[in-house]
């Protein structure tokens, strides 16, 4: 028998999600970005969180969406995390 697990989709942008995290969670998330080679510095993540910059590479955006999805327990998509202006 299959077990059905309802997955929810998060439609917040990266800056909105970032603001809901505690300082410890922010550090943990940054470490995950470093491990997967999505970010090179905390300052880069800070620019994403302030909406000043967005990752340009689609593969990096998809990887970030995957990391954030696993971290917060809800499905996130790259286009909602980093919407095109």
PDB file of N, CA and C in Angstrom:
ATOM      1  N   UNK A   1       0.832  -1.177   0.000  1.00  0.00           N
ATOM      2  CA  UNK A   1       0.000   0.000   0.000  1.00  0.00           C
ATOM      3  C   UNK A   1       0.880   1.245   0.000  1.00  0.00           C
ATOM      4  N   UNK A   2       0.556   2.174  -0.865  1.00  0.00           N
ATOM      5  CA  UNK A   2       1.320   3.407  -0.937  1.00  0.00           C
ATOM      6  C   UNK A   2       0.863   4.374   0.145  1.00  0.00           C
ATOM      7  N   UNK A   3       1.825   5.131   0.629  1.00  0.00           N
ATOM      8  CA  UNK A   3       1.505   6.156   1.610  1.00  0.00           C
ATOM      9  C   UNK A   3       1.560   7.490   0.891  1.00  0.00           C
ATOM     10  N   UNK A   4       0.469   8.218   0.959  1.00  0.00           N
ATOM     11  CA  UNK A   4       0.395   9.517   0.303  1.00  0.00           C
ATOM     12  C   UNK A   4       0.833  10.593   1.290  1.00  0.00           C
ATOM     13  N   UNK A   5       1.806  11.358   0.882  1.00  0.00           N
ATOM     14  CA  UNK A   5       2.275  12.457   1.719  1.00  0.00           C
ATOM     15  C   UNK A   5       2.028  13.754   0.980  1.00  0.00           C
ATOM     16  N   UNK A   6       1.248  14.613   1.584  1.00  0.00           N
ATOM     17  CA  UNK A   6       0.926  15.884   0.959  1.00  0.00           C
ATOM     18  C   UNK A   6       2.129  16.815   1.064  1.00  0.00           C
ATOM     19  N   UNK A   7       2.553  17.339  -0.060  1.00  0.00           N
ATOM     20  CA  UNK A   7       3.654  18.292  -0.029  1.00  0.00           C
ATOM     21  C   UNK A   7       3.099  19.674  -0.346  1.00  0.00           C
ATOM     22  N   UNK A   8       3.503  20.632   0.437  1.00  0.00           N
ATOM     23  CA  UNK A   8       3.037  21.988   0.228  1.00  0.00           C
ATOM     24  C   UNK A   8       4.073  22.756  -0.571  1.00  0.00           C
ATOM     25  N   UNK A   9       3.599  23.749  -1.275  1.00  0.00           N
ATOM     26  CA  UNK A   9       4.479  24.584  -2.085  1.00  0.00           C
ATOM     27  C   UNK A   9       4.570  25.957  -1.441  1.00  0.00           C
ATOM     28  N   UNK A  10       5.792  26.424  -1.288  1.00  0.00           N
ATOM     29  CA  UNK A  10       6.035  27.735  -0.712  1.00  0.00           C
ATOM     30  C   UNK A  10       6.175  28.735  -1.856  1.00  0.00           C
ATOM     31  N   UNK A  11       5.436  29.826  -1.791  1.00  0.00           N
ATOM     32  CA  UNK A  11       5.471  30.812  -2.882  1.00  0.00           C
ATOM     33  C   UNK A  11       6.163  32.104  -2.461  1.00  0.00           C
ATOM     34  N   UNK A  12       6.930  32.058  -1.390  1.00  0.00           N
ATOM     35  CA  UNK A  12       7.653  33.248  -0.945  1.00  0.00           C
ATOM     36  C   UNK A  12       8.953  33.403  -1.721  1.00  0.00           C
ATOM     37  N   UNK A  13       9.421  34.640  -1.781  1.00  0.00           N
ATOM     38  CA  UNK A  13      10.714  34.898  -2.414  1.00  0.00           C
ATOM     39  C   UNK A  13      11.819  34.582  -1.410  1.00  0.00           C
ATOM     40  N   UNK A  14      13.053  34.523  -1.900  1.00  0.00           N
ATOM     41  CA  UNK A  14      14.169  34.236  -1.004  1.00  0.00           C
ATOM     42  C   UNK A  14      14.291  35.273   0.110  1.00  0.00           C
ATOM     43  N   UNK A  15      14.192  36.582  -0.176  1.00  0.00           N
ATOM     44  CA  UNK A  15      14.266  37.554   0.923  1.00  0.00           C
ATOM     45  C   UNK A  15      13.175  37.363   1.975  1.00  0.00           C
ATOM     46  N   UNK A  16      11.981  36.972   1.569  1.00  0.00           N
ATOM     47  CA  UNK A  16      10.896  36.744   2.523  1.00  0.00           C
ATOM     48  C   UNK A  16      11.179  35.528   3.402  1.00  0.00           C
ATOM     49  N   UNK A  17      11.702  34.479   2.815  1.00  0.00           N
ATOM     50  CA  UNK A  17      12.051  33.286   3.585  1.00  0.00           C
ATOM     51  C   UNK A  17      13.208  33.597   4.525  1.00  0.00           C
ATOM     52  N   UNK A  18      14.206  34.321   4.034  1.00  0.00           N
ATOM     53  CA  UNK A  18      15.389  34.647   4.829  1.00  0.00           C
ATOM     54  C   UNK A  18      14.999  35.397   6.104  1.00  0.00           C
ATOM     55  N   UNK A  19      14.042  36.301   6.004  1.00  0.00           N
ATOM     56  CA  UNK A  19      13.634  37.099   7.157  1.00  0.00           C
ATOM     57  C   UNK A  19      12.962  36.260   8.242  1.00  0.00           C
ATOM     58  N   UNK A  20      12.417  35.107   7.892  1.00  0.00           N
ATOM     59  CA  UNK A  20      11.740  34.265   8.876  1.00  0.00           C
ATOM     60  C   UNK A  20      12.701  33.358   9.635  1.00  0.00           C
ATOM     61  N   UNK A  21      13.946  33.281   9.189  1.00  0.00           N
ATOM     62  CA  UNK A  21      14.920  32.376   9.811  1.00  0.00           C
ATOM     63  C   UNK A  21      15.615  33.030  11.002  1.00  0.00           C
ATOM     64  N   UNK A  22      15.997  32.197  11.954  1.00  0.00           N
ATOM     65  CA  UNK A  22      16.784  32.670  13.088  1.00  0.00           C
ATOM     66  C   UNK A  22      18.240  32.822  12.638  1.00  0.00           C
ATOM     67  N   UNK A  23      19.061  33.545  13.395  1.00  0.00           N
ATOM     68  CA  UNK A  23      20.486  33.669  13.016  1.00  0.00           C
ATOM     69  C   UNK A  23      21.187  32.315  12.873  1.00  0.00           C
ATOM     70  N   UNK A  24      20.872  31.373  13.725  1.00  0.00           N
ATOM     71  CA  UNK A  24      21.475  30.042  13.615  1.00  0.00           C
ATOM     72  C   UNK A  24      21.052  29.319  12.355  1.00  0.00           C
ATOM     73  N   UNK A  25      19.780  29.442  12.006  1.00  0.00           N
ATOM     74  CA  UNK A  25      19.282  28.818  10.772  1.00  0.00           C
ATOM     75  C   UNK A  25      19.909  29.459   9.544  1.00  0.00           C
ATOM     76  N   UNK A  26      20.109  30.767   9.610  1.00  0.00           N
ATOM     77  CA  UNK A  26      20.755  31.463   8.487  1.00  0.00           C
ATOM     78  C   UNK A  26      22.178  30.945   8.289  1.00  0.00           C
ATOM     79  N   UNK A  27      22.898  30.752   9.381  1.00  0.00           N
ATOM     80  CA  UNK A  27      24.254  30.208   9.288  1.00  0.00           C
ATOM     81  C   UNK A  27      24.248  28.801   8.713  1.00  0.00           C
ATOM     82  N   UNK A  28      23.315  27.964   9.182  1.00  0.00           N
ATOM     83  CA  UNK A  28      23.222  26.598   8.678  1.00  0.00           C
ATOM     84  C   UNK A  28      22.906  26.568   7.187  1.00  0.00           C
ATOM     85  N   UNK A  29      22.009  27.437   6.763  1.00  0.00           N
ATOM     86  CA  UNK A  29      21.641  27.493   5.350  1.00  0.00           C
ATOM     87  C   UNK A  29      22.819  27.970   4.506  1.00  0.00           C
ATOM     88  N   UNK A  30      23.554  28.956   4.998  1.00  0.00           N
ATOM     89  CA  UNK A  30      24.746  29.432   4.279  1.00  0.00           C
ATOM     90  C   UNK A  30      25.769  28.313   4.106  1.00  0.00           C
ATOM     91  N   UNK A  31      25.955  27.522   5.151  1.00  0.00           N
ATOM     92  CA  UNK A  31      26.907  26.409   5.071  1.00  0.00           C
ATOM     93  C   UNK A  31      26.475  25.427   3.992  1.00  0.00           C
ATOM     94  N   UNK A  32      25.184  25.168   3.903  1.00  0.00           N
ATOM     95  CA  UNK A  32      24.687  24.264   2.860  1.00  0.00           C
ATOM     96  C   UNK A  32      24.939  24.846   1.465  1.00  0.00           C
ATOM     97  N   UNK A  33      24.790  26.169   1.314  1.00  0.00           N
ATOM     98  CA  UNK A  33      25.099  26.809   0.030  1.00  0.00           C
ATOM     99  C   UNK A  33      26.573  26.676  -0.305  1.00  0.00           C
ATOM    100  N   UNK A  34      27.445  26.839   0.692  1.00  0.00           N
ATOM    101  CA  UNK A  34      28.887  26.713   0.462  1.00  0.00           C
ATOM    102  C   UNK A  34      29.243  25.281   0.061  1.00  0.00           C
ATOM    103  N   UNK A  35      28.649  24.312   0.748  1.00  0.00           N
ATOM    104  CA  UNK A  35      28.956  22.909   0.474  1.00  0.00           C
ATOM    105  C   UNK A  35      28.567  22.508  -0.940  1.00  0.00           C
ATOM    106  N   UNK A  36      27.466  23.049  -1.428  1.00  0.00           N
ATOM    107  CA  UNK A  36      26.994  22.722  -2.776  1.00  0.00           C
ATOM    108  C   UNK A  36      27.529  23.687  -3.832  1.00  0.00           C
ATOM    109  N   UNK A  37      28.421  24.587  -3.418  1.00  0.00           N
ATOM    110  CA  UNK A  37      29.099  25.538  -4.310  1.00  0.00           C
ATOM    111  C   UNK A  37      28.142  26.520  -4.988  1.00  0.00           C
ATOM    112  N   UNK A  38      27.078  26.901  -4.260  1.00  0.00           N
ATOM    113  CA  UNK A  38      26.126  27.879  -4.782  1.00  0.00           C
ATOM    114  C   UNK A  38      26.552  29.299  -4.445  1.00  0.00           C
ATOM    115  N   UNK A  39      27.284  29.438  -3.351  1.00  0.00           N
ATOM    116  CA  UNK A  39      27.726  30.761  -2.904  1.00  0.00           C
ATOM    117  C   UNK A  39      29.176  30.657  -2.469  1.00  0.00           C
ATOM    118  N   UNK A  40      29.891  31.766  -2.653  1.00  0.00           N
ATOM    119  CA  UNK A  40      31.296  31.786  -2.262  1.00  0.00           C
ATOM    120  C   UNK A  40      31.513  32.524  -0.949  1.00  0.00           C
ATOM    121  N   UNK A  41      30.559  33.381  -0.584  1.00  0.00           N
ATOM    122  CA  UNK A  41      30.723  34.143   0.655  1.00  0.00           C
ATOM    123  C   UNK A  41      29.364  34.426   1.277  1.00  0.00           C
ATOM    124  N   UNK A  42      29.404  34.782   2.538  1.00  0.00           N
ATOM    125  CA  UNK A  42      28.177  35.153   3.249  1.00  0.00           C
ATOM    126  C   UNK A  42      27.602  36.440   2.652  1.00  0.00           C
ATOM    127  N   UNK A  43      28.495  37.302   2.158  1.00  0.00           N
ATOM    128  CA  UNK A  43      28.055  38.562   1.569  1.00  0.00           C
ATOM    129  C   UNK A  43      27.190  38.314   0.330  1.00  0.00           C
ATOM    130  N   UNK A  44      27.534  37.307  -0.461  1.00  0.00           N
ATOM    131  CA  UNK A  44      26.727  36.974  -1.629  1.00  0.00           C
ATOM    132  C   UNK A  44      25.321  36.555  -1.251  1.00  0.00           C
ATOM    133  N   UNK A  45      25.213  35.748  -0.203  1.00  0.00           N
ATOM    134  CA  UNK A  45      23.902  35.322   0.285  1.00  0.00           C
ATOM    135  C   UNK A  45      23.148  36.534   0.826  1.00  0.00           C
ATOM    136  N   UNK A  46      23.861  37.437   1.493  1.00  0.00           N
ATOM    137  CA  UNK A  46      23.239  38.650   2.026  1.00  0.00           C
ATOM    138  C   UNK A  46      22.645  39.489   0.884  1.00  0.00           C
ATOM    139  N   UNK A  47      23.365  39.586  -0.242  1.00  0.00           N
ATOM    140  CA  UNK A  47      22.845  40.316  -1.402  1.00  0.00           C
ATOM    141  C   UNK A  47      21.565  39.671  -1.925  1.00  0.00           C
ATOM    142  N   UNK A  48      21.514  38.329  -1.938  1.00  0.00           N
ATOM    143  CA  UNK A  48      20.285  37.640  -2.347  1.00  0.00           C
ATOM    144  C   UNK A  48      19.164  37.964  -1.373  1.00  0.00           C
ATOM    145  N   UNK A  49      19.487  37.944  -0.077  1.00  0.00           N
ATOM    146  CA  UNK A  49      18.476  38.163   0.957  1.00  0.00           C
ATOM    147  C   UNK A  49      17.918  39.580   0.923  1.00  0.00           C
ATOM    148  N   UNK A  50      18.703  40.533   0.490  1.00  0.00           N
ATOM    149  CA  UNK A  50      18.251  41.921   0.406  1.00  0.00           C
ATOM    150  C   UNK A  50      17.620  42.236  -0.948  1.00  0.00           C
ATOM    151  N   UNK A  51      17.649  41.276  -1.870  1.00  0.00           N
ATOM    152  CA  UNK A  51      17.070  41.483  -3.189  1.00  0.00           C
ATOM    153  C   UNK A  51      17.935  42.341  -4.098  1.00  0.00           C
ATOM    154  N   UNK A  52      19.179  42.537  -3.727  1.00  0.00           N
ATOM    155  CA  UNK A  52      20.076  43.380  -4.517  1.00  0.00           C
ATOM    156  C   UNK A  52      20.656  42.628  -5.715  1.00  0.00           C
ATOM    157  N   UNK A  53      20.801  41.323  -5.567  1.00  0.00           N
ATOM    158  CA  UNK A  53      21.330  40.482  -6.643  1.00  0.00           C
ATOM    159  C   UNK A  53      20.575  39.168  -6.663  1.00  0.00           C
ATOM    160  N   UNK A  54      20.674  38.501  -7.802  1.00  0.00           N
ATOM    161  CA  UNK A  54      20.077  37.180  -7.965  1.00  0.00           C
ATOM    162  C   UNK A  54      21.093  36.292  -8.668  1.00  0.00           C
ATOM    163  N   UNK A  55      21.111  35.016  -8.360  1.00  0.00           N
ATOM    164  CA  UNK A  55      21.985  34.113  -9.100  1.00  0.00           C
ATOM    165  C   UNK A  55      21.563  34.076 -10.566  1.00  0.00           C
ATOM    166  N   UNK A  56      22.509  34.177 -11.468  1.00  0.00           N
ATOM    167  CA  UNK A  56      22.204  34.233 -12.890  1.00  0.00           C
ATOM    168  C   UNK A  56      22.104  32.850 -13.541  1.00  0.00           C
ATOM    169  N   UNK A  57      22.894  31.918 -13.062  1.00  0.00           N
ATOM    170  CA  UNK A  57      22.946  30.590 -13.656  1.00  0.00           C
ATOM    171  C   UNK A  57      21.701  29.785 -13.258  1.00  0.00           C
ATOM    172  N   UNK A  58      20.961  29.265 -14.234  1.00  0.00           N
ATOM    173  CA  UNK A  58      19.746  28.493 -13.919  1.00  0.00           C
ATOM    174  C   UNK A  58      20.027  27.256 -13.061  1.00  0.00           C
ATOM    175  N   UNK A  59      21.161  26.617 -13.276  1.00  0.00           N
ATOM    176  CA  UNK A  59      21.501  25.436 -12.491  1.00  0.00           C
ATOM    177  C   UNK A  59      21.732  25.810 -11.026  1.00  0.00           C
ATOM    178  N   UNK A  60      22.373  26.943 -10.787  1.00  0.00           N
ATOM    179  CA  UNK A  60      22.598  27.415  -9.416  1.00  0.00           C
ATOM    180  C   UNK A  60      21.264  27.769  -8.762  1.00  0.00           C
ATOM    181  N   UNK A  61      20.384  28.445  -9.494  1.00  0.00           N
ATOM    182  CA  UNK A  61      19.067  28.789  -8.938  1.00  0.00           C
ATOM    183  C   UNK A  61      18.279  27.531  -8.573  1.00  0.00           C
ATOM    184  N   UNK A  62      18.327  26.523  -9.433  1.00  0.00           N
ATOM    185  CA  UNK A  62      17.619  25.270  -9.143  1.00  0.00           C
ATOM    186  C   UNK A  62      18.208  24.560  -7.926  1.00  0.00           C
ATOM    187  N   UNK A  63      19.526  24.601  -7.792  1.00  0.00           N
ATOM    188  CA  UNK A  63      20.181  23.984  -6.646  1.00  0.00           C
ATOM    189  C   UNK A  63      19.808  24.713  -5.360  1.00  0.00           C
ATOM    190  N   UNK A  64      19.769  26.037  -5.408  1.00  0.00           N
ATOM    191  CA  UNK A  64      19.363  26.826  -4.245  1.00  0.00           C
ATOM    192  C   UNK A  64      17.925  26.486  -3.864  1.00  0.00           C
ATOM    193  N   UNK A  65      17.051  26.375  -4.848  1.00  0.00           N
ATOM    194  CA  UNK A  65      15.658  26.020  -4.574  1.00  0.00           C
ATOM    195  C   UNK A  65      15.566  24.647  -3.917  1.00  0.00           C
ATOM    196  N   UNK A  66      16.381  23.709  -4.363  1.00  0.00           N
ATOM    197  CA  UNK A  66      16.399  22.371  -3.777  1.00  0.00           C
ATOM    198  C   UNK A  66      16.877  22.427  -2.323  1.00  0.00           C
ATOM    199  N   UNK A  67      17.935  23.187  -2.060  1.00  0.00           N
ATOM    200  CA  UNK A  67      18.472  23.304  -0.704  1.00  0.00           C
ATOM    201  C   UNK A  67      17.443  23.950   0.224  1.00  0.00           C
ATOM    202  N   UNK A  68      16.839  25.049  -0.223  1.00  0.00           N
ATOM    203  CA  UNK A  68      15.855  25.752   0.599  1.00  0.00           C
ATOM    204  C   UNK A  68      14.636  24.866   0.839  1.00  0.00           C
ATOM    205  N   UNK A  69      14.209  24.124  -0.172  1.00  0.00           N
ATOM    206  CA  UNK A  69      13.062  23.221  -0.027  1.00  0.00           C
ATOM    207  C   UNK A  69      13.300  22.202   1.081  1.00  0.00           C
ATOM    208  N   UNK A  70      14.465  21.581   1.047  1.00  0.00           N
ATOM    209  CA  UNK A  70      14.788  20.582   2.062  1.00  0.00           C
ATOM    210  C   UNK A  70      14.932  21.230   3.434  1.00  0.00           C
ATOM    211  N   UNK A  71      15.453  22.440   3.466  1.00  0.00           N
ATOM    212  CA  UNK A  71      15.711  23.121   4.730  1.00  0.00           C
ATOM    213  C   UNK A  71      14.418  23.526   5.439  1.00  0.00           C
ATOM    214  N   UNK A  72      13.458  24.057   4.678  1.00  0.00           N
ATOM    215  CA  UNK A  72      12.221  24.532   5.311  1.00  0.00           C
ATOM    216  C   UNK A  72      11.105  23.493   5.285  1.00  0.00           C
ATOM    217  N   UNK A  73      11.301  22.410   4.535  1.00  0.00           N
ATOM    218  CA  UNK A  73      10.310  21.337   4.507  1.00  0.00           C
ATOM    219  C   UNK A  73       9.128  21.597   3.592  1.00  0.00           C
ATOM    220  N   UNK A  74       9.256  22.555   2.693  1.00  0.00           N
ATOM    221  CA  UNK A  74       8.216  22.849   1.704  1.00  0.00           C
ATOM    222  C   UNK A  74       8.875  22.996   0.343  1.00  0.00           C
ATOM    223  N   UNK A  75       8.161  22.623  -0.684  1.00  0.00           N
ATOM    224  CA  UNK A  75       8.700  22.711  -2.037  1.00  0.00           C
ATOM    225  C   UNK A  75       8.818  24.171  -2.466  1.00  0.00           C
ATOM    226  N   UNK A  76       9.984  24.534  -2.964  1.00  0.00           N
ATOM    227  CA  UNK A  76      10.231  25.874  -3.499  1.00  0.00           C
ATOM    228  C   UNK A  76      10.703  25.741  -4.940  1.00  0.00           C
ATOM    229  N   UNK A  77      10.384  26.727  -5.737  1.00  0.00           N
ATOM    230  CA  UNK A  77      10.825  26.753  -7.126  1.00  0.00           C
ATOM    231  C   UNK A  77      11.747  27.943  -7.343  1.00  0.00           C
ATOM    232  N   UNK A  78      12.697  27.776  -8.221  1.00  0.00           N
ATOM    233  CA  UNK A  78      13.682  28.827  -8.474  1.00  0.00           C
ATOM    234  C   UNK A  78      13.023  30.113  -8.959  1.00  0.00           C
ATOM    235  N   UNK A  79      12.004  29.994  -9.779  1.00  0.00           N
ATOM    236  CA  UNK A  79      11.355  31.187 -10.326  1.00  0.00           C
ATOM    237  C   UNK A  79      10.560  31.958  -9.278  1.00  0.00           C
ATOM    238  N   UNK A  80      10.126  31.289  -8.213  1.00  0.00           N
ATOM    239  CA  UNK A  80       9.435  32.020  -7.151  1.00  0.00           C
ATOM    240  C   UNK A  80      10.431  32.578  -6.135  1.00  0.00           C
ATOM    241  N   UNK A  81      11.537  31.861  -5.909  1.00  0.00           N
ATOM    242  CA  UNK A  81      12.556  32.371  -4.992  1.00  0.00           C
ATOM    243  C   UNK A  81      13.207  33.641  -5.553  1.00  0.00           C
ATOM    244  N   UNK A  82      13.518  33.588  -6.832  1.00  0.00           N
ATOM    245  CA  UNK A  82      14.179  34.700  -7.503  1.00  0.00           C
ATOM    246  C   UNK A  82      13.380  35.104  -8.741  1.00  0.00           C
ATOM    247  N   UNK A  83      12.273  35.838  -8.547  1.00  0.00           N
ATOM    248  CA  UNK A  83      11.439  36.207  -9.698  1.00  0.00           C
ATOM    249  C   UNK A  83      12.159  37.155 -10.642  1.00  0.00           C
ATOM    250  N   UNK A  84      11.831  37.048 -11.882  1.00  0.00           N
ATOM    251  CA  UNK A  84      12.432  37.945 -12.885  1.00  0.00           C
ATOM    252  C   UNK A  84      11.762  39.293 -12.799  1.00  0.00           C
ATOM    253  N   UNK A  85      12.551  40.316 -12.881  1.00  0.00           N
ATOM    254  CA  UNK A  85      12.027  41.678 -12.759  1.00  0.00           C
ATOM    255  C   UNK A  85      11.346  42.142 -14.023  1.00  0.00           C
TER     256      UNK A  85
END
